[in-house]
Amino acid sequence: MKTNKLLLSIGAISALTLPLSIVGYPTVKHYLNNKTITKNPYSLMMKSDVTPINYASNTDILDAEAKLKESISKLEVAMKKAKQDAINYKNIALDSTKNTQVVLSSKVKANASKDALLKLKKIVESYEHDLANIKQKSKQKEIDFQQAQNTRHLSSIMKNATIINQGNVKVATIAKEINDLEEAKLQVWKLEEITGVSLPEVENGTTIDEVELIANSNGIITVKAKLFSKYATTPNNNVEWKIKGKSDALAAKSQPPKKLETKQEKAERLTREYNAEVDTYFKIHKEYNKSIDIVNDAIRKKRAAKDAFQKATGADKTKKEKLLEDAIKDFDKKDTLYNKWFNALETEKKKLKTLETKKNQSKAELRRPIISSLISAVLDSAWIVDQNNKTVSEIAKEINDINDIEKKITSIQSVFGILLFKSFKTLTVKDIILTSSSDGAIKIEVKTFTAYVNNPKRTFTKIIYGKSDVEIHNEKINNEFDSLLRVVNKMIDNANNSNAKHSNPIDKNNTIPKTKVVNPDKKNNIVPKKDNIHSTDKKDKKTKSNIGLILGISISIITLVAIISGLLIWRSKRKKK
């Protein structure tokens, strides 16, 4: 009895699986045939050429570059095929042994290859356009990001600014004095003077354009600064900084401020002192020269007295000895005079050198921000004049390989259209280094040395954007494409003309007679073979379909056998009862 129930259960389950197998198989088959693996777009970020200066380090640009690169590869293949098909058509057209069908087939193939080539060219152009738009947006984002960084840096400099040497002067008086200055540059210098903070008027392309100070009785000065960043989406940016000083009540109880020199006043004073010291130096030098002449005269007299003493005899020698002693004493006296002026001159030289250094330092402090602004402005105007189908890495290598700084500056001028200088006042350009990345970004680093200032070494940086390696390769292919298309068109035209002259079935207008044309590939009912890859795919699909059908039939047969067996056993048992 248990056996009968088991067989019946198996039969029932099999009967249920039969329709499920029939319905489910094509569904699963369709899923497997159409399943694709989705690539993670962020995996492109693992490219080794992504660097801090790489403004294309986002998936949009990397994807656009990948599409363009892929389409260029397809275009290169199509170019080779179009050329080969055009050559074949030309050769067949010139061969009088070939029949009309072969010539026509070759012509159709050549024209089809040419049409496919033109379609691919349009695809490449669309990807070019997309990449250019995305890069422009990315470049704009980086400029805006740099603007935000500059703003934050300037604000961090002024974060804890306080008024030094305020004395009994109210903050309102200080604010008015700065507001009354006509130029923003002078206002920035005055802010540096009252706070002791070094505030650059130009910070990586961001300039302090306007400054307005508002003071209150609590000793707080609010600085409203208008910043300007060229090429930013919003060039003008308003910021506020707070400067702490004494309240009006506290200032009233304080002593008057000490008179502090400005940088300009200090430079002028040290220049006056240096010039006065130069006058003193020349006076001492004049006396020193006189002492040299006096000593030389004393030496001559001393030698003459010595010679006279050696030649004299008797009473005359005693007399000459007295003259020699007087000459020696006179020389010693004049030699002391010489030493006096010599020592005075040496002391003056040291004093003059010290004053010259101080004078140069004060002037260098005044000039440094001006020269720095000048270099920043020059770099800000840099652009790649003509990339000439060179990648930025090739440009960087060519310039970096130049050892002579003057030749390197000349090369920079021709490539980037800017005129740098080897030296200006106390600043000297020591080296220029270029760094590049495959997306077309190139960083210029100008390393400088300024004499007589603290922290004399300073590097100026500018990032310029040229064409990426993919775009340069695309330009080369475009040039080859134009040349190749002319060749292909010429070969096809020559073949057409040859057909018109030498092939009887083709008339003068290069048309085909109205007779049924049999495709040579279909002769004797032969089906043309498709591409091996597609053929294999079709065979695989057919094999899968056959296996599925066999499995379905097998399951159905097993199910029916199980049901019939169960019924027969059950019936025989029932009869026995």
Protein backbone atom coordinates (compact mmCIF):
# COMPACT_ATOMS: atom_id res chain seq x y z
CA MET A 1 0.00 0.00 0.00
CA LYS A 2 2.82 2.36 0.91
CA THR A 3 4.55 1.54 -2.38
CA ASN A 4 1.41 2.43 -4.31
CA LYS A 5 1.11 5.80 -2.53
CA LEU A 6 4.78 6.58 -3.19
CA LEU A 7 4.44 5.82 -6.90
CA LEU A 8 1.29 7.91 -7.11
CA SER A 9 3.07 10.85 -5.39
CA ILE A 10 5.98 10.64 -7.83
CA GLY A 11 3.58 10.58 -10.74
CA ALA A 12 1.69 13.62 -9.45
CA ILE A 13 4.85 15.64 -8.90
CA SER A 14 6.10 14.68 -12.37
CA ALA A 15 2.79 15.71 -13.89
CA LEU A 16 3.10 19.13 -12.24
CA THR A 17 6.69 19.59 -13.43
CA LEU A 18 5.79 18.87 -17.04
CA PRO A 19 3.99 22.19 -17.76
CA LEU A 20 6.54 24.05 -15.62
CA SER A 21 9.37 22.61 -17.73
CA ILE A 22 7.65 23.54 -20.97
CA VAL A 23 6.93 27.11 -19.84
CA GLY A 24 10.08 27.71 -17.79
CA TYR A 25 12.71 26.51 -20.25
CA PRO A 26 12.31 29.30 -22.85
CA THR A 27 12.15 31.87 -20.04
CA VAL A 28 15.45 30.75 -18.52
CA LYS A 29 16.97 30.41 -21.98
CA HIS A 30 15.97 33.99 -22.83
CA TYR A 31 17.46 35.26 -19.53
CA LEU A 32 20.80 33.48 -20.09
CA ASN A 33 21.09 34.66 -23.68
CA ASN A 34 20.41 38.29 -22.78
CA LYS A 35 22.27 38.58 -19.48
CA THR A 36 25.13 41.11 -19.57
CA ILE A 37 27.69 42.07 -16.94
CA THR A 38 27.40 45.72 -15.95
CA LYS A 39 30.82 47.34 -15.50
CA ASN A 40 31.40 49.49 -12.46
CA PRO A 41 31.98 53.01 -13.84
CA TYR A 42 34.18 53.86 -10.86
CA SER A 43 36.64 51.10 -11.74
CA LEU A 44 38.07 53.50 -14.34
CA MET A 45 39.29 55.61 -11.42
CA MET A 46 41.98 52.99 -10.84
CA LYS A 47 43.83 54.09 -13.97
CA SER A 48 47.48 54.63 -13.16
CA ASP A 49 47.66 57.97 -15.00
CA VAL A 50 45.20 59.75 -12.69
CA THR A 51 47.27 62.39 -10.91
CA PRO A 52 46.48 65.40 -8.64
CA ILE A 53 46.70 67.71 -11.68
CA ASN A 54 44.47 65.41 -13.73
CA TYR A 55 41.27 67.43 -14.10
CA ALA A 56 39.70 64.52 -16.03
CA SER A 57 39.75 62.21 -12.99
CA ASN A 58 35.98 61.73 -13.03
CA THR A 59 33.93 58.99 -14.64
CA ASP A 60 32.15 61.25 -17.15
CA ILE A 61 35.37 62.27 -18.89
CA LEU A 62 36.98 58.85 -18.59
CA ASP A 63 33.88 57.23 -20.11
CA ALA A 64 33.80 59.81 -22.93
CA GLU A 65 37.49 59.22 -23.66
CA ALA A 66 36.94 55.44 -23.65
CA LYS A 67 34.06 55.76 -26.15
CA LEU A 68 36.11 58.02 -28.40
CA LYS A 69 39.10 55.68 -28.22
CA GLU A 70 36.93 52.67 -29.09
CA SER A 71 35.28 54.48 -32.02
CA ILE A 72 38.71 55.55 -33.34
CA SER A 73 39.88 51.92 -33.25
CA LYS A 74 36.82 50.87 -35.25
CA LEU A 75 37.43 53.71 -37.69
CA GLU A 76 41.03 52.57 -38.23
CA VAL A 77 39.82 49.04 -39.03
CA ALA A 78 37.14 50.42 -41.37
CA MET A 79 39.71 52.60 -43.13
CA LYS A 80 41.88 49.57 -43.91
CA LYS A 81 38.86 47.60 -45.13
CA ALA A 82 37.56 50.44 -47.32
CA LYS A 83 40.96 50.86 -48.93
CA GLN A 84 41.35 47.13 -49.56
CA ASP A 85 37.82 46.79 -51.00
CA ALA A 86 38.43 49.79 -53.29
CA ILE A 87 41.69 48.22 -54.50
CA ASN A 88 39.93 44.90 -55.13
CA TYR A 89 37.12 46.60 -57.05
CA LYS A 90 39.61 48.53 -59.17
CA ASN A 91 41.63 45.39 -59.97
CA ILE A 92 38.51 43.36 -60.80
CA ALA A 93 37.09 46.16 -62.98
CA LEU A 94 40.32 46.28 -64.99
CA ASP A 95 40.34 42.49 -65.41
CA SER A 96 38.47 41.71 -68.65
CA THR A 97 38.10 38.04 -67.68
CA LYS A 98 35.76 38.84 -64.79
CA ASN A 99 32.03 38.62 -65.52
CA THR A 100 29.45 41.30 -64.78
CA GLN A 101 28.21 39.68 -61.57
CA VAL A 102 31.69 39.58 -60.01
CA VAL A 103 32.35 43.21 -60.95
CA LEU A 104 28.97 44.30 -59.57
CA SER A 105 29.50 42.38 -56.33
CA SER A 106 32.92 43.98 -55.91
CA LYS A 107 31.47 47.43 -56.58
CA VAL A 108 28.67 46.94 -54.04
CA LYS A 109 31.21 45.76 -51.47
CA ALA A 110 33.51 48.77 -52.08
CA ASN A 111 30.65 51.26 -51.80
CA ALA A 112 29.30 49.54 -48.68
CA SER A 113 32.72 49.74 -47.02
CA LYS A 114 32.95 53.41 -47.93
CA ASP A 115 29.46 54.12 -46.52
CA ALA A 116 30.32 52.27 -43.31
CA LEU A 117 33.50 54.33 -43.07
CA LEU A 118 31.58 57.61 -43.37
CA LYS A 119 29.07 56.50 -40.72
CA LEU A 120 31.87 55.64 -38.30
CA LYS A 121 33.47 59.03 -38.98
CA LYS A 122 30.23 60.74 -37.91
CA ILE A 123 30.17 58.67 -34.72
CA VAL A 124 33.77 59.68 -33.95
CA GLU A 125 32.89 63.34 -34.51
CA SER A 126 29.92 63.11 -32.14
CA TYR A 127 32.11 61.53 -29.43
CA GLU A 128 34.71 64.25 -30.04
CA HIS A 129 32.05 66.90 -29.48
CA ASP A 130 30.76 65.20 -26.31
CA LEU A 131 34.27 64.91 -24.85
CA ALA A 132 35.04 68.57 -25.57
CA ASN A 133 31.86 69.69 -23.77
CA ILE A 134 32.51 67.46 -20.76
CA LYS A 135 36.14 68.62 -20.49
CA GLN A 136 35.08 72.25 -20.64
CA LYS A 137 32.61 71.70 -17.79
CA SER A 138 35.25 69.84 -15.77
CA LYS A 139 37.81 72.59 -16.37
CA GLN A 140 35.27 75.16 -15.21
CA LYS A 141 34.64 73.13 -12.05
CA GLU A 142 38.36 73.07 -11.28
CA ILE A 143 38.66 76.83 -11.77
CA ASP A 144 35.72 77.34 -9.41
CA PHE A 145 37.29 74.91 -6.93
CA GLN A 146 40.58 76.87 -7.04
CA GLN A 147 38.63 80.08 -6.46
CA ALA A 148 37.05 78.56 -3.34
CA GLN A 149 40.47 77.40 -2.11
CA ASN A 150 41.94 80.87 -2.61
CA THR A 151 39.06 82.44 -0.69
CA ARG A 152 39.50 79.99 2.20
CA HIS A 153 43.27 80.60 2.29
CA LEU A 154 42.92 84.39 2.41
CA SER A 155 40.28 84.06 5.13
CA SER A 156 42.54 81.74 7.15
CA ILE A 157 45.34 84.35 6.99
CA MET A 158 43.02 87.02 8.45
CA LYS A 159 41.27 84.68 10.90
CA ASN A 160 43.08 85.81 14.08
CA ALA A 161 44.26 89.23 12.88
CA THR A 162 44.65 91.91 15.58
CA ILE A 163 45.68 95.56 15.51
CA ILE A 164 49.26 96.05 16.68
CA ASN A 165 50.53 99.32 18.19
CA GLN A 166 47.02 100.82 18.37
CA GLY A 167 47.77 103.07 21.34
CA ASN A 168 45.00 105.58 22.04
CA VAL A 169 43.75 105.69 18.43
CA LYS A 170 40.13 104.59 17.89
CA VAL A 171 39.47 101.77 15.43
CA ALA A 172 37.14 104.10 13.51
CA THR A 173 40.09 106.40 12.80
CA ILE A 174 42.17 103.46 11.55
CA ALA A 175 39.30 102.25 9.35
CA LYS A 176 38.80 105.72 7.84
CA GLU A 177 42.51 106.06 7.09
CA ILE A 178 42.48 102.81 5.09
CA ASN A 179 39.15 103.56 3.37
CA ASP A 180 40.53 106.91 2.18
CA LEU A 181 43.30 105.20 0.21
CA GLU A 182 42.49 105.15 -3.51
CA GLU A 183 43.98 101.80 -4.60
CA ALA A 184 43.17 98.33 -3.28
CA LYS A 185 46.90 97.54 -3.39
CA LEU A 186 47.65 100.40 -0.97
CA GLN A 187 44.78 99.28 1.27
CA VAL A 188 46.20 95.75 1.42
CA TRP A 189 49.65 97.11 2.31
CA LYS A 190 48.11 99.23 5.08
CA LEU A 191 46.23 96.20 6.44
CA GLU A 192 49.55 94.35 6.57
CA GLU A 193 51.08 97.30 8.41
CA ILE A 194 48.42 97.57 11.15
CA THR A 195 48.08 93.78 11.68
CA GLY A 196 51.57 92.47 10.90
CA VAL A 197 49.93 89.83 8.69
CA SER A 198 51.34 89.08 5.23
CA LEU A 199 48.29 89.34 2.97
CA PRO A 200 48.98 88.68 -0.75
CA GLU A 201 47.08 90.93 -3.12
CA VAL A 202 47.10 88.08 -5.68
CA GLU A 203 46.53 84.46 -4.62
CA ASN A 204 46.72 81.87 -7.46
CA GLY A 205 44.64 83.93 -9.85
CA THR A 206 42.39 85.54 -7.23
CA THR A 207 42.90 89.29 -6.75
CA ILE A 208 41.75 91.55 -3.89
CA ASP A 209 39.91 94.19 -5.93
CA GLU A 210 38.18 96.34 -3.32
CA VAL A 211 38.42 96.76 0.46
CA GLU A 212 36.00 98.51 2.83
CA LEU A 213 36.45 98.70 6.61
CA ILE A 214 33.60 99.19 9.09
CA ALA A 215 34.51 99.78 12.77
CA ASN A 216 32.43 99.69 15.95
CA SER A 217 33.05 101.07 19.44
CA ASN A 218 33.86 97.59 20.77
CA GLY A 219 37.14 97.60 18.85
CA ILE A 220 36.07 95.26 16.04
CA ILE A 221 36.82 96.18 12.43
CA THR A 222 34.85 94.30 9.77
CA VAL A 223 36.80 94.08 6.53
CA LYS A 224 34.56 93.66 3.48
CA ALA A 225 36.75 92.50 0.61
CA LYS A 226 35.73 91.99 -3.00
CA LEU A 227 37.74 89.19 -4.60
CA PHE A 228 38.04 88.74 -8.36
CA SER A 229 38.89 85.41 -10.05
CA LYS A 230 39.23 85.51 -13.81
CA TYR A 231 37.46 82.69 -15.74
CA ALA A 232 35.45 81.57 -12.68
CA THR A 233 31.72 80.99 -13.12
CA THR A 234 31.11 83.83 -10.69
CA PRO A 235 34.25 86.01 -10.97
CA ASN A 236 33.34 88.38 -8.13
CA ASN A 237 33.22 86.97 -4.63
CA ASN A 238 32.53 89.01 -1.47
CA VAL A 239 34.07 87.95 1.86
CA GLU A 240 34.22 89.41 5.37
CA TRP A 241 37.09 89.29 7.85
CA LYS A 242 37.21 90.48 11.46
CA ILE A 243 40.13 92.39 12.99
CA LYS A 244 40.24 92.77 16.77
CA GLY A 245 41.48 95.95 18.42
CA LYS A 246 40.94 97.97 21.59
CA SER A 247 37.49 99.31 22.34
CA ASP A 248 37.06 103.09 22.27
CA ALA A 249 36.91 103.17 26.10
CA LEU A 250 40.16 101.20 26.47
CA ALA A 251 41.92 103.17 23.73
CA ALA A 252 41.11 106.45 25.55
CA LYS A 253 43.06 105.22 28.61
CA SER A 254 46.08 104.09 26.56
CA GLN A 255 49.31 105.88 25.68
CA PRO A 256 49.76 107.30 22.18
CA PRO A 257 51.01 104.70 19.71
CA LYS A 258 54.67 104.47 18.96
CA LYS A 259 55.61 105.91 15.63
CA LEU A 260 56.27 102.90 13.43
CA GLU A 261 57.94 103.10 10.09
CA THR A 262 56.17 101.80 7.05
CA LYS A 263 58.06 99.53 4.68
CA GLN A 264 58.37 102.41 2.27
CA GLU A 265 59.66 104.78 4.96
CA LYS A 266 62.14 102.18 6.18
CA ALA A 267 63.46 101.64 2.65
CA GLU A 268 63.82 105.39 2.12
CA ARG A 269 65.61 105.91 5.47
CA LEU A 270 68.04 103.04 4.89
CA THR A 271 68.75 104.32 1.39
CA ARG A 272 69.58 107.78 2.79
CA GLU A 273 71.84 106.25 5.45
CA TYR A 274 73.55 104.09 2.86
CA ASN A 275 74.14 107.04 0.52
CA ALA A 276 75.57 109.10 3.43
CA GLU A 277 77.82 106.20 4.34
CA VAL A 278 79.01 106.00 0.73
CA ASP A 279 80.05 109.68 0.96
CA THR A 280 81.91 108.96 4.21
CA TYR A 281 83.59 105.96 2.62
CA PHE A 282 84.95 108.05 -0.25
CA LYS A 283 86.24 110.72 2.18
CA ILE A 284 88.10 108.09 4.19
CA HIS A 285 89.31 106.47 1.01
CA LYS A 286 90.68 109.85 -0.13
CA GLU A 287 92.60 110.30 3.16
CA TYR A 288 93.79 106.71 2.90
CA ASN A 289 95.20 107.40 -0.59
CA LYS A 290 96.96 110.50 0.78
CA SER A 291 98.51 108.46 3.59
CA ILE A 292 99.83 106.02 0.99
CA ASP A 293 101.56 108.87 -0.87
CA ILE A 294 102.98 110.26 2.41
CA VAL A 295 104.33 106.86 3.45
CA ASN A 296 105.87 106.30 0.03
CA ASP A 297 107.62 109.70 0.32
CA ALA A 298 108.91 108.75 3.81
CA ILE A 299 110.21 105.45 2.44
CA ARG A 300 112.18 107.24 -0.29
CA LYS A 301 113.71 109.65 2.29
CA LYS A 302 114.56 106.74 4.57
CA ARG A 303 116.33 104.87 1.78
CA ALA A 304 118.27 108.00 0.70
CA ALA A 305 119.44 108.64 4.30
CA LYS A 306 120.50 105.02 4.65
CA ASP A 307 122.50 105.14 1.40
CA ALA A 308 124.18 108.42 2.44
CA PHE A 309 125.10 106.96 5.85
CA GLN A 310 126.70 103.87 4.30
CA LYS A 311 128.79 105.94 1.89
CA ALA A 312 129.93 108.58 4.45
CA THR A 313 133.16 108.33 6.58
CA GLY A 314 134.51 110.02 9.71
CA ALA A 315 132.75 113.14 10.97
CA ASP A 316 130.56 113.12 7.89
CA LYS A 317 129.30 109.64 8.81
CA THR A 318 128.34 110.80 12.32
CA LYS A 319 126.39 113.68 10.81
CA LYS A 320 124.65 111.36 8.30
CA GLU A 321 123.73 108.96 11.12
CA LYS A 322 121.65 111.70 12.75
CA LEU A 323 119.81 112.27 9.44
CA LEU A 324 119.12 108.54 9.16
CA GLU A 325 117.64 108.42 12.67
CA ASP A 326 115.38 111.39 11.86
CA ALA A 327 114.28 109.69 8.60
CA ILE A 328 113.40 106.48 10.46
CA LYS A 329 111.36 108.39 13.07
CA ASP A 330 109.56 110.32 10.32
CA PHE A 331 108.73 107.04 8.52
CA ASP A 332 107.37 105.46 11.72
CA LYS A 333 105.17 108.50 12.31
CA LYS A 334 103.80 108.49 8.76
CA ASP A 335 103.38 104.71 8.85
CA THR A 336 101.18 105.13 11.94
CA LEU A 337 99.10 107.66 9.98
CA TYR A 338 98.73 105.14 7.14
CA ASN A 339 97.61 102.40 9.56
CA LYS A 340 95.05 104.77 11.05
CA TRP A 341 93.40 105.46 7.67
CA PHE A 342 93.75 101.84 6.59
CA ASN A 343 91.89 100.62 9.69
CA ALA A 344 89.31 103.38 9.31
CA LEU A 345 88.73 102.33 5.70
CA GLU A 346 88.33 98.65 6.63
CA THR A 347 85.83 99.55 9.35
CA GLU A 348 83.93 101.74 6.89
CA LYS A 349 83.82 98.92 4.35
CA LYS A 350 82.14 96.60 6.88
CA LYS A 351 79.70 99.31 7.94
CA LEU A 352 78.89 100.11 4.33
CA LYS A 353 78.32 96.43 3.52
CA THR A 354 75.96 96.04 6.49
CA LEU A 355 73.98 99.12 5.48
CA GLU A 356 73.86 97.95 1.87
CA THR A 357 72.41 94.60 2.98
CA LYS A 358 69.75 96.32 5.12
CA LYS A 359 68.92 98.69 2.27
CA ASN A 360 68.61 95.80 -0.18
CA GLN A 361 66.47 93.84 2.28
CA SER A 362 64.06 96.72 2.73
CA LYS A 363 63.80 97.22 -1.03
CA ALA A 364 63.39 93.49 -1.61
CA GLU A 365 60.53 93.43 0.89
CA LEU A 366 58.83 96.19 -1.08
CA ARG A 367 59.49 94.64 -4.46
CA ARG A 368 58.74 91.00 -3.69
CA PRO A 369 54.92 91.23 -3.75
CA ILE A 370 55.08 93.34 -6.91
CA ILE A 371 57.42 90.90 -8.68
CA SER A 372 55.36 87.94 -7.42
CA SER A 373 52.19 89.51 -8.82
CA LEU A 374 53.98 90.08 -12.12
CA ILE A 375 55.08 86.44 -12.42
CA SER A 376 51.58 85.23 -11.45
CA ALA A 377 50.03 87.49 -14.10
CA VAL A 378 52.46 86.22 -16.75
CA LEU A 379 51.71 82.58 -15.92
CA ASP A 380 47.98 83.31 -15.83
CA SER A 381 48.11 84.31 -19.51
CA ALA A 382 49.87 81.10 -20.59
CA TRP A 383 48.26 78.78 -23.14
CA ILE A 384 49.49 76.19 -25.62
CA VAL A 385 50.03 78.20 -28.80
CA ASP A 386 50.12 75.21 -31.16
CA GLN A 387 50.20 71.64 -29.93
CA ASN A 388 51.23 70.41 -33.41
CA ASN A 389 49.88 66.87 -32.91
CA LYS A 390 52.21 66.43 -29.92
CA THR A 391 51.02 65.01 -26.62
CA VAL A 392 51.57 67.17 -23.55
CA SER A 393 53.99 64.54 -22.23
CA GLU A 394 56.14 65.03 -25.36
CA ILE A 395 56.05 68.82 -24.89
CA ALA A 396 57.00 68.47 -21.21
CA LYS A 397 59.89 66.10 -21.98
CA GLU A 398 61.32 68.37 -24.69
CA ILE A 399 61.41 71.37 -22.32
CA ASN A 400 62.56 69.44 -19.24
CA ASP A 401 65.50 68.01 -21.22
CA ILE A 402 66.88 71.54 -21.78
CA ASN A 403 69.59 72.28 -19.17
CA ASP A 404 70.32 75.94 -19.95
CA ILE A 405 67.75 78.15 -18.17
CA GLU A 406 67.83 80.88 -20.84
CA LYS A 407 67.14 78.35 -23.62
CA LYS A 408 64.39 76.83 -21.48
CA ILE A 409 62.76 80.27 -21.04
CA THR A 410 62.93 80.79 -24.83
CA SER A 411 61.25 77.41 -25.38
CA ILE A 412 58.55 78.27 -22.82
CA GLN A 413 57.88 81.50 -24.72
CA SER A 414 57.41 79.73 -28.07
CA VAL A 415 55.21 76.95 -26.66
CA PHE A 416 53.09 78.87 -24.13
CA GLY A 417 53.23 82.42 -25.53
CA ILE A 418 54.59 84.00 -22.33
CA LEU A 419 57.78 85.96 -21.71
CA LEU A 420 59.51 85.08 -18.45
CA PHE A 421 62.81 86.64 -17.35
CA LYS A 422 65.91 84.97 -15.98
CA SER A 423 66.35 87.68 -13.34
CA PHE A 424 64.57 90.83 -12.26
CA LYS A 425 65.92 93.08 -9.49
CA THR A 426 66.71 90.65 -6.65
CA LEU A 427 64.69 87.71 -8.05
CA THR A 428 66.30 84.98 -10.16
CA VAL A 429 64.56 82.11 -11.97
CA LYS A 430 66.49 78.96 -11.04
CA ASP A 431 64.52 76.31 -12.92
CA ILE A 432 61.27 75.56 -14.77
CA ILE A 433 59.77 72.08 -14.46
CA LEU A 434 56.80 70.72 -16.44
CA THR A 435 54.58 67.83 -15.34
CA SER A 436 51.95 66.31 -17.62
CA SER A 437 49.13 63.76 -17.63
CA SER A 438 47.43 61.83 -20.44
CA ASP A 439 44.20 63.86 -20.17
CA GLY A 440 45.97 66.97 -21.55
CA ALA A 441 46.77 68.76 -18.28
CA ILE A 442 50.28 70.23 -17.97
CA LYS A 443 51.65 71.90 -14.83
CA ILE A 444 54.32 74.62 -15.06
CA GLU A 445 56.47 75.12 -11.94
CA VAL A 446 58.74 78.19 -11.92
CA LYS A 447 61.32 77.88 -9.12
CA THR A 448 62.74 81.26 -8.02
CA PHE A 449 65.25 82.68 -5.55
CA THR A 450 64.95 86.19 -4.10
CA ALA A 451 68.04 87.63 -2.40
CA TYR A 452 67.92 89.57 0.90
CA VAL A 453 64.50 88.23 2.03
CA ASN A 454 63.32 85.62 4.48
CA ASN A 455 62.35 82.34 2.78
CA PRO A 456 64.11 83.30 -0.47
CA LYS A 457 62.95 80.20 -2.37
CA ARG A 458 59.48 80.28 -3.89
CA THR A 459 57.74 78.20 -6.57
CA PHE A 460 55.04 79.64 -8.85
CA THR A 461 52.59 77.13 -10.33
CA LYS A 462 50.17 77.20 -13.26
CA ILE A 463 48.08 74.37 -14.75
CA ILE A 464 47.28 74.60 -18.46
CA TYR A 465 44.91 72.36 -20.38
CA GLY A 466 45.75 71.09 -23.84
CA LYS A 467 44.48 68.21 -25.94
CA SER A 468 44.48 64.75 -24.37
CA ASP A 469 46.45 61.85 -25.81
CA VAL A 470 43.19 60.39 -27.19
CA GLU A 471 42.35 63.68 -28.93
CA ILE A 472 45.85 63.95 -30.44
CA HIS A 473 45.57 60.39 -31.77
CA ASN A 474 42.12 61.26 -33.13
CA GLU A 475 43.55 64.28 -34.99
CA LYS A 476 46.16 62.08 -36.65
CA ILE A 477 43.46 59.60 -37.70
CA ASN A 478 41.30 62.45 -39.02
CA ASN A 479 44.16 63.63 -41.24
CA GLU A 480 44.75 60.08 -42.46
CA PHE A 481 40.99 59.67 -43.01
CA ASP A 482 40.75 62.71 -45.30
CA SER A 483 43.70 61.51 -47.35
CA LEU A 484 42.42 57.93 -47.51
CA LEU A 485 38.89 58.99 -48.50
CA ARG A 486 40.28 60.89 -51.49
CA VAL A 487 42.25 57.81 -52.55
CA VAL A 488 39.24 55.48 -52.15
CA ASN A 489 36.94 57.82 -54.10
CA LYS A 490 39.51 58.09 -56.87
CA MET A 491 39.95 54.30 -57.13
CA ILE A 492 36.17 53.71 -57.20
CA ASP A 493 35.73 56.41 -59.86
CA ASN A 494 38.53 54.88 -61.95
CA ALA A 495 36.92 51.45 -61.62
CA ASN A 496 33.51 52.86 -62.63
CA ASN A 497 35.05 54.54 -65.68
CA SER A 498 36.81 51.31 -66.60
CA ASN A 499 33.50 49.43 -66.43
CA ALA A 500 31.85 51.99 -68.69
CA LYS A 501 34.54 51.57 -71.35
CA HIS A 502 35.43 47.88 -71.29
CA SER A 503 32.47 45.92 -69.91
CA ASN A 504 29.68 45.17 -72.44
CA PRO A 505 26.86 44.58 -69.95
CA ILE A 506 27.45 48.05 -68.49
CA ASP A 507 26.40 50.96 -70.70
CA LYS A 508 27.99 54.41 -70.98
CA ASN A 509 25.89 55.72 -68.10
CA ASN A 510 27.39 53.06 -65.82
CA THR A 511 24.00 51.32 -65.38
CA ILE A 512 23.16 47.60 -65.30
CA PRO A 513 20.96 46.04 -68.08
CA LYS A 514 17.48 45.13 -66.91
CA THR A 515 18.16 41.41 -66.66
CA LYS A 516 17.95 39.25 -63.62
CA VAL A 517 21.24 39.39 -61.75
CA VAL A 518 22.20 36.32 -59.83
CA ASN A 519 24.32 36.82 -56.77
CA PRO A 520 27.44 34.69 -57.26
CA ASP A 521 27.26 33.62 -53.65
CA LYS A 522 23.78 32.14 -54.20
CA LYS A 523 24.81 30.09 -57.26
CA ASN A 524 23.86 26.41 -56.91
CA ASN A 525 21.75 27.32 -53.87
CA ILE A 526 24.83 27.91 -51.76
CA VAL A 527 24.05 30.07 -48.75
CA PRO A 528 26.82 32.60 -48.03
CA LYS A 529 28.71 31.93 -44.84
CA LYS A 530 28.38 34.52 -42.12
CA ASP A 531 31.03 35.69 -39.77
CA ASN A 532 32.47 32.80 -37.71
CA ILE A 533 31.59 34.44 -34.41
CA HIS A 534 27.92 34.94 -35.29
CA SER A 535 27.78 31.44 -36.83
CA THR A 536 29.13 29.89 -33.64
CA ASP A 537 26.64 31.86 -31.53
CA LYS A 538 23.76 30.59 -33.67
CA LYS A 539 24.98 26.98 -33.38
CA ASP A 540 25.25 27.32 -29.61
CA LYS A 541 21.72 28.69 -29.39
CA LYS A 542 20.41 25.86 -31.60
CA THR A 543 22.20 23.25 -29.48
CA LYS A 544 20.70 24.73 -26.30
CA SER A 545 17.24 24.66 -27.88
CA ASN A 546 17.61 20.96 -28.92
CA ILE A 547 18.83 19.95 -25.44
CA GLY A 548 15.88 21.72 -23.86
CA LEU A 549 13.44 19.95 -26.17
CA ILE A 550 14.99 16.53 -25.49
CA LEU A 551 14.87 17.14 -21.72
CA GLY A 552 11.24 18.22 -21.92
CA ILE A 553 10.21 15.10 -23.91
CA SER A 554 12.21 12.82 -21.58
CA ILE A 555 10.55 14.28 -18.48
CA SER A 556 7.13 13.89 -20.12
CA ILE A 557 7.75 10.21 -20.99
CA ILE A 558 9.03 9.41 -17.48
CA THR A 559 6.00 11.14 -15.99
CA LEU A 560 3.52 9.18 -18.13
CA VAL A 561 5.27 5.85 -17.41
CA ALA A 562 5.16 6.57 -13.67
CA ILE A 563 1.44 7.42 -13.77
CA ILE A 564 0.53 4.33 -15.84
CA SER A 565 2.63 2.03 -13.62
CA GLY A 566 0.98 3.39 -10.51
CA LEU A 567 -2.51 2.91 -11.93
CA LEU A 568 -1.79 -0.69 -13.03
CA ILE A 569 -0.40 -1.70 -9.64
CA TRP A 570 -3.33 -0.09 -7.85
CA ARG A 571 -5.82 -1.88 -10.12
CA SER A 572 -4.20 -5.31 -9.64
CA LYS A 573 -4.24 -4.94 -5.86
CA ARG A 574 -7.89 -3.93 -5.93
CA LYS A 575 -8.85 -7.07 -7.95
CA LYS A 576 -7.09 -9.35 -5.48
CA LYS A 577 -9.13 -7.84 -2.71
